[in-house]
Amino acid sequence: MGADPSWLVPLVAPFLIGLIVGAMIKATAKFIILLLVLVALLALTGSIALSVENLLERAMDYLPNLLRTGNAVKDILPYTSLSFILGLLLGLWKL
């Protein structure tokens, strides 16, 4: 009787995934900025001691795992879909 809504699912699913991913990225970015401000304040007050060597050593421990995880996520997300990109941008901007 009516129009077949099966064409709507391939458009809406990537949009919703993009919306959720955008909101997660925005929340994570806010958390990281607040964490960096906290670490900077603790370092300025002398509560913690930071050295460049220590930071580089820790970065070399965590960055390979982070890159592997990023590559796995890149293979899963439909980042070539226009509806995903629109959802991602909307999630970053509004949510």
PDB file of N, CA and C in Angstrom:
ATOM      1  N   MET A   1       0.814  -1.178   0.000  1.00  0.00           N
ATOM      2  CA  MET A   1       0.000   0.000   0.000  1.00  0.00           C
ATOM      3  C   MET A   1       0.869   1.259   0.000  1.00  0.00           C
ATOM      4  N   GLY A   2       1.720   1.407   1.008  1.00  0.00           N
ATOM      5  CA  GLY A   2       2.561   2.595   1.099  1.00  0.00           C
ATOM      6  C   GLY A   2       3.927   2.336   0.489  1.00  0.00           C
ATOM      7  N   ALA A   3       4.769   3.323   0.625  1.00  0.00           N
ATOM      8  CA  ALA A   3       6.136   3.195   0.115  1.00  0.00           C
ATOM      9  C   ALA A   3       6.917   2.209   0.980  1.00  0.00           C
ATOM     10  N   ASP A   4       7.832   1.514   0.363  1.00  0.00           N
ATOM     11  CA  ASP A   4       8.647   0.524   1.065  1.00  0.00           C
ATOM     12  C   ASP A   4       9.724   1.244   1.885  1.00  0.00           C
ATOM     13  N   PRO A   5       9.717   1.102   3.216  1.00  0.00           N
ATOM     14  CA  PRO A   5      10.691   1.823   4.045  1.00  0.00           C
ATOM     15  C   PRO A   5      12.062   1.139   4.126  1.00  0.00           C
ATOM     16  N   SER A   6      12.275   0.084   3.352  1.00  0.00           N
ATOM     17  CA  SER A   6      13.547  -0.631   3.456  1.00  0.00           C
ATOM     18  C   SER A   6      14.724   0.199   2.954  1.00  0.00           C
ATOM     19  N   TRP A   7      14.499   1.205   2.143  1.00  0.00           N
ATOM     20  CA  TRP A   7      15.585   2.067   1.677  1.00  0.00           C
ATOM     21  C   TRP A   7      16.026   3.034   2.768  1.00  0.00           C
ATOM     22  N   LEU A   8      15.196   3.184   3.804  1.00  0.00           N
ATOM     23  CA  LEU A   8      15.496   4.133   4.872  1.00  0.00           C
ATOM     24  C   LEU A   8      16.553   3.605   5.844  1.00  0.00           C
ATOM     25  N   VAL A   9      16.592   2.309   6.053  1.00  0.00           N
ATOM     26  CA  VAL A   9      17.524   1.713   7.018  1.00  0.00           C
ATOM     27  C   VAL A   9      18.987   1.976   6.655  1.00  0.00           C
ATOM     28  N   PRO A  10      19.418   1.821   5.395  1.00  0.00           N
ATOM     29  CA  PRO A  10      20.822   2.106   5.080  1.00  0.00           C
ATOM     30  C   PRO A  10      21.199   3.576   5.234  1.00  0.00           C
ATOM     31  N   LEU A  11      20.221   4.457   5.294  1.00  0.00           N
ATOM     32  CA  LEU A  11      20.507   5.874   5.513  1.00  0.00           C
ATOM     33  C   LEU A  11      20.495   6.241   6.989  1.00  0.00           C
ATOM     34  N   VAL A  12      19.554   5.680   7.731  1.00  0.00           N
ATOM     35  CA  VAL A  12      19.380   6.060   9.131  1.00  0.00           C
ATOM     36  C   VAL A  12      20.422   5.402  10.030  1.00  0.00           C
ATOM     37  N   ALA A  13      20.773   4.157   9.780  1.00  0.00           N
ATOM     38  CA  ALA A  13      21.726   3.452  10.648  1.00  0.00           C
ATOM     39  C   ALA A  13      23.090   4.139  10.681  1.00  0.00           C
ATOM     40  N   PRO A  14      23.718   4.483   9.544  1.00  0.00           N
ATOM     41  CA  PRO A  14      25.000   5.198   9.623  1.00  0.00           C
ATOM     42  C   PRO A  14      24.870   6.578  10.264  1.00  0.00           C
ATOM     43  N   PHE A  15      23.727   7.250  10.043  1.00  0.00           N
ATOM     44  CA  PHE A  15      23.511   8.555  10.665  1.00  0.00           C
ATOM     45  C   PHE A  15      23.497   8.436  12.180  1.00  0.00           C
ATOM     46  N   LEU A  16      22.771   7.447  12.698  1.00  0.00           N
ATOM     47  CA  LEU A  16      22.711   7.255  14.153  1.00  0.00           C
ATOM     48  C   LEU A  16      24.066   6.847  14.719  1.00  0.00           C
ATOM     49  N   ILE A  17      24.790   5.998  13.999  1.00  0.00           N
ATOM     50  CA  ILE A  17      26.134   5.613  14.441  1.00  0.00           C
ATOM     51  C   ILE A  17      27.035   6.842  14.476  1.00  0.00           C
ATOM     52  N   GLY A  18      26.963   7.681  13.452  1.00  0.00           N
ATOM     53  CA  GLY A  18      27.751   8.904  13.419  1.00  0.00           C
ATOM     54  C   GLY A  18      27.381   9.851  14.541  1.00  0.00           C
ATOM     55  N   LEU A  19      26.105   9.949  14.845  1.00  0.00           N
ATOM     56  CA  LEU A  19      25.645  10.801  15.934  1.00  0.00           C
ATOM     57  C   LEU A  19      26.219  10.335  17.270  1.00  0.00           C
ATOM     58  N   ILE A  20      26.184   9.042  17.500  1.00  0.00           N
ATOM     59  CA  ILE A  20      26.715   8.486  18.751  1.00  0.00           C
ATOM     60  C   ILE A  20      28.228   8.651  18.816  1.00  0.00           C
ATOM     61  N   VAL A  21      28.923   8.373  17.718  1.00  0.00           N
ATOM     62  CA  VAL A  21      30.383   8.514  17.697  1.00  0.00           C
ATOM     63  C   VAL A  21      30.777   9.973  17.907  1.00  0.00           C
ATOM     64  N   GLY A  22      30.052  10.896  17.286  1.00  0.00           N
ATOM     65  CA  GLY A  22      30.337  12.316  17.471  1.00  0.00           C
ATOM     66  C   GLY A  22      30.156  12.753  18.909  1.00  0.00           C
ATOM     67  N   ALA A  23      29.088  12.295  19.551  1.00  0.00           N
ATOM     68  CA  ALA A  23      28.863  12.632  20.955  1.00  0.00           C
ATOM     69  C   ALA A  23      29.957  12.031  21.843  1.00  0.00           C
ATOM     70  N   MET A  24      30.390  10.804  21.518  1.00  0.00           N
ATOM     71  CA  MET A  24      31.459  10.174  22.301  1.00  0.00           C
ATOM     72  C   MET A  24      32.781  10.915  22.131  1.00  0.00           C
ATOM     73  N   ILE A  25      33.094  11.341  20.907  1.00  0.00           N
ATOM     74  CA  ILE A  25      34.337  12.074  20.664  1.00  0.00           C
ATOM     75  C   ILE A  25      34.317  13.404  21.403  1.00  0.00           C
ATOM     76  N   LYS A  26      33.178  14.091  21.374  1.00  0.00           N
ATOM     77  CA  LYS A  26      33.069  15.380  22.052  1.00  0.00           C
ATOM     78  C   LYS A  26      33.231  15.215  23.565  1.00  0.00           C
ATOM     79  N   ALA A  27      32.585  14.212  24.137  1.00  0.00           N
ATOM     80  CA  ALA A  27      32.701  13.976  25.576  1.00  0.00           C
ATOM     81  C   ALA A  27      34.126  13.574  25.952  1.00  0.00           C
ATOM     82  N   THR A  28      34.761  12.758  25.124  1.00  0.00           N
ATOM     83  CA  THR A  28      36.135  12.339  25.388  1.00  0.00           C
ATOM     84  C   THR A  28      37.093  13.514  25.295  1.00  0.00           C
ATOM     85  N   ALA A  29      36.884  14.388  24.317  1.00  0.00           N
ATOM     86  CA  ALA A  29      37.748  15.564  24.175  1.00  0.00           C
ATOM     87  C   ALA A  29      37.621  16.479  25.387  1.00  0.00           C
ATOM     88  N   LYS A  30      36.398  16.678  25.872  1.00  0.00           N
ATOM     89  CA  LYS A  30      36.202  17.496  27.075  1.00  0.00           C
ATOM     90  C   LYS A  30      36.913  16.869  28.273  1.00  0.00           C
ATOM     91  N   PHE A  31      36.791  15.553  28.409  1.00  0.00           N
ATOM     92  CA  PHE A  31      37.433  14.859  29.523  1.00  0.00           C
ATOM     93  C   PHE A  31      38.950  14.995  29.455  1.00  0.00           C
ATOM     94  N   ILE A  32      39.524  14.828  28.271  1.00  0.00           N
ATOM     95  CA  ILE A  32      40.979  14.916  28.118  1.00  0.00           C
ATOM     96  C   ILE A  32      41.467  16.323  28.422  1.00  0.00           C
ATOM     97  N   ILE A  33      40.728  17.341  27.971  1.00  0.00           N
ATOM     98  CA  ILE A  33      41.127  18.719  28.262  1.00  0.00           C
ATOM     99  C   ILE A  33      41.094  18.975  29.760  1.00  0.00           C
ATOM    100  N   LEU A  34      40.043  18.536  30.432  1.00  0.00           N
ATOM    101  CA  LEU A  34      39.969  18.717  31.884  1.00  0.00           C
ATOM    102  C   LEU A  34      41.068  17.944  32.602  1.00  0.00           C
ATOM    103  N   LEU A  35      41.388  16.757  32.112  1.00  0.00           N
ATOM    104  CA  LEU A  35      42.458  15.968  32.709  1.00  0.00           C
ATOM    105  C   LEU A  35      43.805  16.664  32.542  1.00  0.00           C
ATOM    106  N   LEU A  36      44.056  17.236  31.372  1.00  0.00           N
ATOM    107  CA  LEU A  36      45.307  17.967  31.148  1.00  0.00           C
ATOM    108  C   LEU A  36      45.402  19.204  32.030  1.00  0.00           C
ATOM    109  N   VAL A  37      44.283  19.903  32.218  1.00  0.00           N
ATOM    110  CA  VAL A  37      44.279  21.064  33.112  1.00  0.00           C
ATOM    111  C   VAL A  37      44.574  20.622  34.540  1.00  0.00           C
ATOM    112  N   LEU A  38      43.988  19.516  34.968  1.00  0.00           N
ATOM    113  CA  LEU A  38      44.243  19.003  36.311  1.00  0.00           C
ATOM    114  C   LEU A  38      45.704  18.626  36.494  1.00  0.00           C
ATOM    115  N   VAL A  39      46.276  17.929  35.529  1.00  0.00           N
ATOM    116  CA  VAL A  39      47.686  17.537  35.616  1.00  0.00           C
ATOM    117  C   VAL A  39      48.579  18.772  35.628  1.00  0.00           C
ATOM    118  N   ALA A  40      48.242  19.777  34.820  1.00  0.00           N
ATOM    119  CA  ALA A  40      49.035  21.004  34.804  1.00  0.00           C
ATOM    120  C   ALA A  40      48.965  21.718  36.149  1.00  0.00           C
ATOM    121  N   LEU A  41      47.782  21.772  36.744  1.00  0.00           N
ATOM    122  CA  LEU A  41      47.654  22.406  38.060  1.00  0.00           C
ATOM    123  C   LEU A  41      48.415  21.630  39.131  1.00  0.00           C
ATOM    124  N   LEU A  42      48.335  20.315  39.077  1.00  0.00           N
ATOM    125  CA  LEU A  42      49.076  19.509  40.050  1.00  0.00           C
ATOM    126  C   LEU A  42      50.581  19.674  39.867  1.00  0.00           C
ATOM    127  N   ALA A  43      51.030  19.804  38.633  1.00  0.00           N
ATOM    128  CA  ALA A  43      52.456  20.003  38.381  1.00  0.00           C
ATOM    129  C   ALA A  43      52.899  21.391  38.837  1.00  0.00           C
ATOM    130  N   LEU A  44      52.058  22.393  38.628  1.00  0.00           N
ATOM    131  CA  LEU A  44      52.411  23.751  39.044  1.00  0.00           C
ATOM    132  C   LEU A  44      52.471  23.891  40.557  1.00  0.00           C
ATOM    133  N   THR A  45      51.609  23.188  41.264  1.00  0.00           N
ATOM    134  CA  THR A  45      51.617  23.267  42.724  1.00  0.00           C
ATOM    135  C   THR A  45      52.667  22.362  43.350  1.00  0.00           C
ATOM    136  N   GLY A  46      53.279  21.513  42.558  1.00  0.00           N
ATOM    137  CA  GLY A  46      54.324  20.641  43.071  1.00  0.00           C
ATOM    138  C   GLY A  46      53.818  19.327  43.627  1.00  0.00           C
ATOM    139  N   SER A  47      52.558  19.041  43.423  1.00  0.00           N
ATOM    140  CA  SER A  47      52.001  17.786  43.929  1.00  0.00           C
ATOM    141  C   SER A  47      52.527  16.581  43.166  1.00  0.00           C
ATOM    142  N   ILE A  48      52.806  16.764  41.885  1.00  0.00           N
ATOM    143  CA  ILE A  48      53.407  15.702  41.091  1.00  0.00           C
ATOM    144  C   ILE A  48      54.607  16.275  40.353  1.00  0.00           C
ATOM    145  N   ALA A  49      55.562  15.421  40.086  1.00  0.00           N
ATOM    146  CA  ALA A  49      56.758  15.839  39.355  1.00  0.00           C
ATOM    147  C   ALA A  49      56.717  15.217  37.963  1.00  0.00           C
ATOM    148  N   LEU A  50      56.772  16.064  36.952  1.00  0.00           N
ATOM    149  CA  LEU A  50      56.753  15.591  35.574  1.00  0.00           C
ATOM    150  C   LEU A  50      58.098  15.863  34.931  1.00  0.00           C
ATOM    151  N   SER A  51      58.554  14.906  34.144  1.00  0.00           N
ATOM    152  CA  SER A  51      59.768  15.114  33.366  1.00  0.00           C
ATOM    153  C   SER A  51      59.482  14.713  31.928  1.00  0.00           C
ATOM    154  N   VAL A  52      60.211  15.303  31.013  1.00  0.00           N
ATOM    155  CA  VAL A  52      60.005  15.011  29.597  1.00  0.00           C
ATOM    156  C   VAL A  52      60.314  13.546  29.311  1.00  0.00           C
ATOM    157  N   GLU A  53      61.353  13.022  29.928  1.00  0.00           N
ATOM    158  CA  GLU A  53      61.718  11.624  29.705  1.00  0.00           C
ATOM    159  C   GLU A  53      60.608  10.683  30.166  1.00  0.00           C
ATOM    160  N   ASN A  54      60.030  10.995  31.321  1.00  0.00           N
ATOM    161  CA  ASN A  54      58.952  10.167  31.855  1.00  0.00           C
ATOM    162  C   ASN A  54      57.730  10.217  30.935  1.00  0.00           C
ATOM    163  N   LEU A  55      57.398  11.413  30.447  1.00  0.00           N
ATOM    164  CA  LEU A  55      56.254  11.540  29.548  1.00  0.00           C
ATOM    165  C   LEU A  55      56.484  10.797  28.236  1.00  0.00           C
ATOM    166  N   LEU A  56      57.690  10.896  27.682  1.00  0.00           N
ATOM    167  CA  LEU A  56      57.991  10.191  26.434  1.00  0.00           C
ATOM    168  C   LEU A  56      57.962   8.679  26.620  1.00  0.00           C
ATOM    169  N   GLU A  57      58.469   8.217  27.752  1.00  0.00           N
ATOM    170  CA  GLU A  57      58.455   6.776  28.027  1.00  0.00           C
ATOM    171  C   GLU A  57      57.022   6.257  28.129  1.00  0.00           C
ATOM    172  N   ARG A  58      56.176   6.996  28.821  1.00  0.00           N
ATOM    173  CA  ARG A  58      54.775   6.585  28.941  1.00  0.00           C
ATOM    174  C   ARG A  58      54.056   6.642  27.598  1.00  0.00           C
ATOM    175  N   ALA A  59      54.371   7.667  26.807  1.00  0.00           N
ATOM    176  CA  ALA A  59      53.743   7.780  25.485  1.00  0.00           C
ATOM    177  C   ALA A  59      54.130   6.598  24.608  1.00  0.00           C
ATOM    178  N   MET A  60      55.376   6.175  24.661  1.00  0.00           N
ATOM    179  CA  MET A  60      55.818   5.041  23.849  1.00  0.00           C
ATOM    180  C   MET A  60      55.200   3.729  24.323  1.00  0.00           C
ATOM    181  N   ASP A  61      54.785   3.676  25.584  1.00  0.00           N
ATOM    182  CA  ASP A  61      54.097   2.485  26.077  1.00  0.00           C
ATOM    183  C   ASP A  61      52.659   2.409  25.560  1.00  0.00           C
ATOM    184  N   TYR A  62      51.974   3.555  25.527  1.00  0.00           N
ATOM    185  CA  TYR A  62      50.543   3.555  25.231  1.00  0.00           C
ATOM    186  C   TYR A  62      50.195   3.823  23.770  1.00  0.00           C
ATOM    187  N   LEU A  63      51.017   4.551  23.040  1.00  0.00           N
ATOM    188  CA  LEU A  63      50.666   4.920  21.669  1.00  0.00           C
ATOM    189  C   LEU A  63      50.525   3.738  20.708  1.00  0.00           C
ATOM    190  N   PRO A  64      51.379   2.709  20.752  1.00  0.00           N
ATOM    191  CA  PRO A  64      51.152   1.580  19.830  1.00  0.00           C
ATOM    192  C   PRO A  64      49.798   0.894  20.037  1.00  0.00           C
ATOM    193  N   ASN A  65      49.386   0.729  21.284  1.00  0.00           N
ATOM    194  CA  ASN A  65      48.073   0.126  21.549  1.00  0.00           C
ATOM    195  C   ASN A  65      46.951   1.028  21.056  1.00  0.00           C
ATOM    196  N   LEU A  66      47.122   2.323  21.236  1.00  0.00           N
ATOM    197  CA  LEU A  66      46.115   3.274  20.782  1.00  0.00           C
ATOM    198  C   LEU A  66      45.991   3.261  19.260  1.00  0.00           C
ATOM    199  N   LEU A  67      47.108   3.159  18.573  1.00  0.00           N
ATOM    200  CA  LEU A  67      47.079   3.100  17.110  1.00  0.00           C
ATOM    201  C   LEU A  67      46.434   1.813  16.610  1.00  0.00           C
ATOM    202  N   ARG A  68      46.707   0.695  17.274  1.00  0.00           N
ATOM    203  CA  ARG A  68      46.073  -0.565  16.885  1.00  0.00           C
ATOM    204  C   ARG A  68      44.556  -0.494  17.068  1.00  0.00           C
ATOM    205  N   THR A  69      44.131   0.088  18.175  1.00  0.00           N
ATOM    206  CA  THR A  69      42.698   0.231  18.420  1.00  0.00           C
ATOM    207  C   THR A  69      42.067   1.157  17.390  1.00  0.00           C
ATOM    208  N   GLY A  70      42.761   2.231  17.052  1.00  0.00           N
ATOM    209  CA  GLY A  70      42.244   3.155  16.045  1.00  0.00           C
ATOM    210  C   GLY A  70      42.093   2.508  14.690  1.00  0.00           C
ATOM    211  N   ASN A  71      43.033   1.659  14.314  1.00  0.00           N
ATOM    212  CA  ASN A  71      42.923   0.955  13.036  1.00  0.00           C
ATOM    213  C   ASN A  71      41.756  -0.020  13.033  1.00  0.00           C
ATOM    214  N   ALA A  72      41.500  -0.664  14.159  1.00  0.00           N
ATOM    215  CA  ALA A  72      40.367  -1.585  14.247  1.00  0.00           C
ATOM    216  C   ALA A  72      39.049  -0.822  14.135  1.00  0.00           C
ATOM    217  N   VAL A  73      38.967   0.328  14.772  1.00  0.00           N
ATOM    218  CA  VAL A  73      37.748   1.136  14.702  1.00  0.00           C
ATOM    219  C   VAL A  73      37.545   1.662  13.288  1.00  0.00           C
ATOM    220  N   LYS A  74      38.632   2.018  12.625  1.00  0.00           N
ATOM    221  CA  LYS A  74      38.549   2.521  11.251  1.00  0.00           C
ATOM    222  C   LYS A  74      37.958   1.467  10.322  1.00  0.00           C
ATOM    223  N   ASP A  75      38.236   0.212  10.576  1.00  0.00           N
ATOM    224  CA  ASP A  75      37.702  -0.855   9.733  1.00  0.00           C
ATOM    225  C   ASP A  75      36.219  -1.113   9.992  1.00  0.00           C
ATOM    226  N   ILE A  76      35.726  -0.736  11.160  1.00  0.00           N
ATOM    227  CA  ILE A  76      34.340  -1.018  11.526  1.00  0.00           C
ATOM    228  C   ILE A  76      33.390   0.101  11.113  1.00  0.00           C
ATOM    229  N   LEU A  77      33.791   1.358  11.318  1.00  0.00           N
ATOM    230  CA  LEU A  77      32.888   2.485  11.101  1.00  0.00           C
ATOM    231  C   LEU A  77      32.663   2.769   9.616  1.00  0.00           C
ATOM    232  N   PRO A  78      31.438   3.148   9.263  1.00  0.00           N
ATOM    233  CA  PRO A  78      31.128   3.465   7.856  1.00  0.00           C
ATOM    234  C   PRO A  78      31.476   4.918   7.516  1.00  0.00           C
ATOM    235  N   TYR A  79      32.747   5.278   7.624  1.00  0.00           N
ATOM    236  CA  TYR A  79      33.155   6.678   7.496  1.00  0.00           C
ATOM    237  C   TYR A  79      33.073   7.215   6.075  1.00  0.00           C
ATOM    238  N   THR A  80      32.779   6.386   5.089  1.00  0.00           N
ATOM    239  CA  THR A  80      32.621   6.880   3.722  1.00  0.00           C
ATOM    240  C   THR A  80      31.171   7.245   3.409  1.00  0.00           C
ATOM    241  N   SER A  81      30.265   6.940   4.296  1.00  0.00           N
ATOM    242  CA  SER A  81      28.852   7.236   4.089  1.00  0.00           C
ATOM    243  C   SER A  81      28.570   8.700   4.431  1.00  0.00           C
ATOM    244  N   LEU A  82      27.854   9.378   3.558  1.00  0.00           N
ATOM    245  CA  LEU A  82      27.515  10.777   3.788  1.00  0.00           C
ATOM    246  C   LEU A  82      26.623  10.928   5.010  1.00  0.00           C
ATOM    247  N   SER A  83      25.720   9.997   5.231  1.00  0.00           N
ATOM    248  CA  SER A  83      24.848  10.093   6.402  1.00  0.00           C
ATOM    249  C   SER A  83      25.647   9.898   7.691  1.00  0.00           C
ATOM    250  N   PHE A  84      26.688   9.065   7.672  1.00  0.00           N
ATOM    251  CA  PHE A  84      27.552   8.915   8.842  1.00  0.00           C
ATOM    252  C   PHE A  84      28.285  10.221   9.129  1.00  0.00           C
ATOM    253  N   ILE A  85      28.813  10.842   8.091  1.00  0.00           N
ATOM    254  CA  ILE A  85      29.560  12.087   8.267  1.00  0.00           C
ATOM    255  C   ILE A  85      28.642  13.192   8.786  1.00  0.00           C
ATOM    256  N   LEU A  86      27.424  13.267   8.264  1.00  0.00           N
ATOM    257  CA  LEU A  86      26.472  14.259   8.759  1.00  0.00           C
ATOM    258  C   LEU A  86      26.116  14.000  10.218  1.00  0.00           C
ATOM    259  N   GLY A  87      25.898  12.749  10.574  1.00  0.00           N
ATOM    260  CA  GLY A  87      25.622  12.408  11.968  1.00  0.00           C
ATOM    261  C   GLY A  87      26.799  12.714  12.871  1.00  0.00           C
ATOM    262  N   LEU A  88      28.012  12.440  12.393  1.00  0.00           N
ATOM    263  CA  LEU A  88      29.220  12.728  13.164  1.00  0.00           C
ATOM    264  C   LEU A  88      29.351  14.227  13.410  1.00  0.00           C
ATOM    265  N   LEU A  89      29.171  15.018  12.366  1.00  0.00           N
ATOM    266  CA  LEU A  89      29.275  16.472  12.517  1.00  0.00           C
ATOM    267  C   LEU A  89      28.191  17.019  13.436  1.00  0.00           C
ATOM    268  N   LEU A  90      26.991  16.503  13.305  1.00  0.00           N
ATOM    269  CA  LEU A  90      25.906  16.941  14.177  1.00  0.00           C
ATOM    270  C   LEU A  90      26.174  16.534  15.622  1.00  0.00           C
ATOM    271  N   GLY A  91      26.712  15.344  15.823  1.00  0.00           N
ATOM    272  CA  GLY A  91      27.051  14.902  17.173  1.00  0.00           C
ATOM    273  C   GLY A  91      28.159  15.730  17.793  1.00  0.00           C
ATOM    274  N   LEU A  92      29.137  16.121  16.986  1.00  0.00           N
ATOM    275  CA  LEU A  92      30.219  16.968  17.495  1.00  0.00           C
ATOM    276  C   LEU A  92      29.733  18.379  17.782  1.00  0.00           C
ATOM    277  N   TRP A  93      28.793  18.870  16.984  1.00  0.00           N
ATOM    278  CA  TRP A  93      28.380  20.258  17.097  1.00  0.00           C
ATOM    279  C   TRP A  93      27.304  20.462  18.153  1.00  0.00           C
ATOM    280  N   LYS A  94      26.269  19.649  18.141  1.00  0.00           N
ATOM    281  CA  LYS A  94      25.105  19.891  18.989  1.00  0.00           C
ATOM    282  C   LYS A  94      25.079  19.097  20.294  1.00  0.00           C
ATOM    283  N   LEU A  95      25.482  17.873  20.277  1.00  0.00           N
ATOM    284  CA  LEU A  95      25.318  17.039  21.479  1.00  0.00           C
ATOM    285  C   LEU A  95      26.375  17.272  22.496  1.00  0.00           C
TER     286      LEU A  95
END
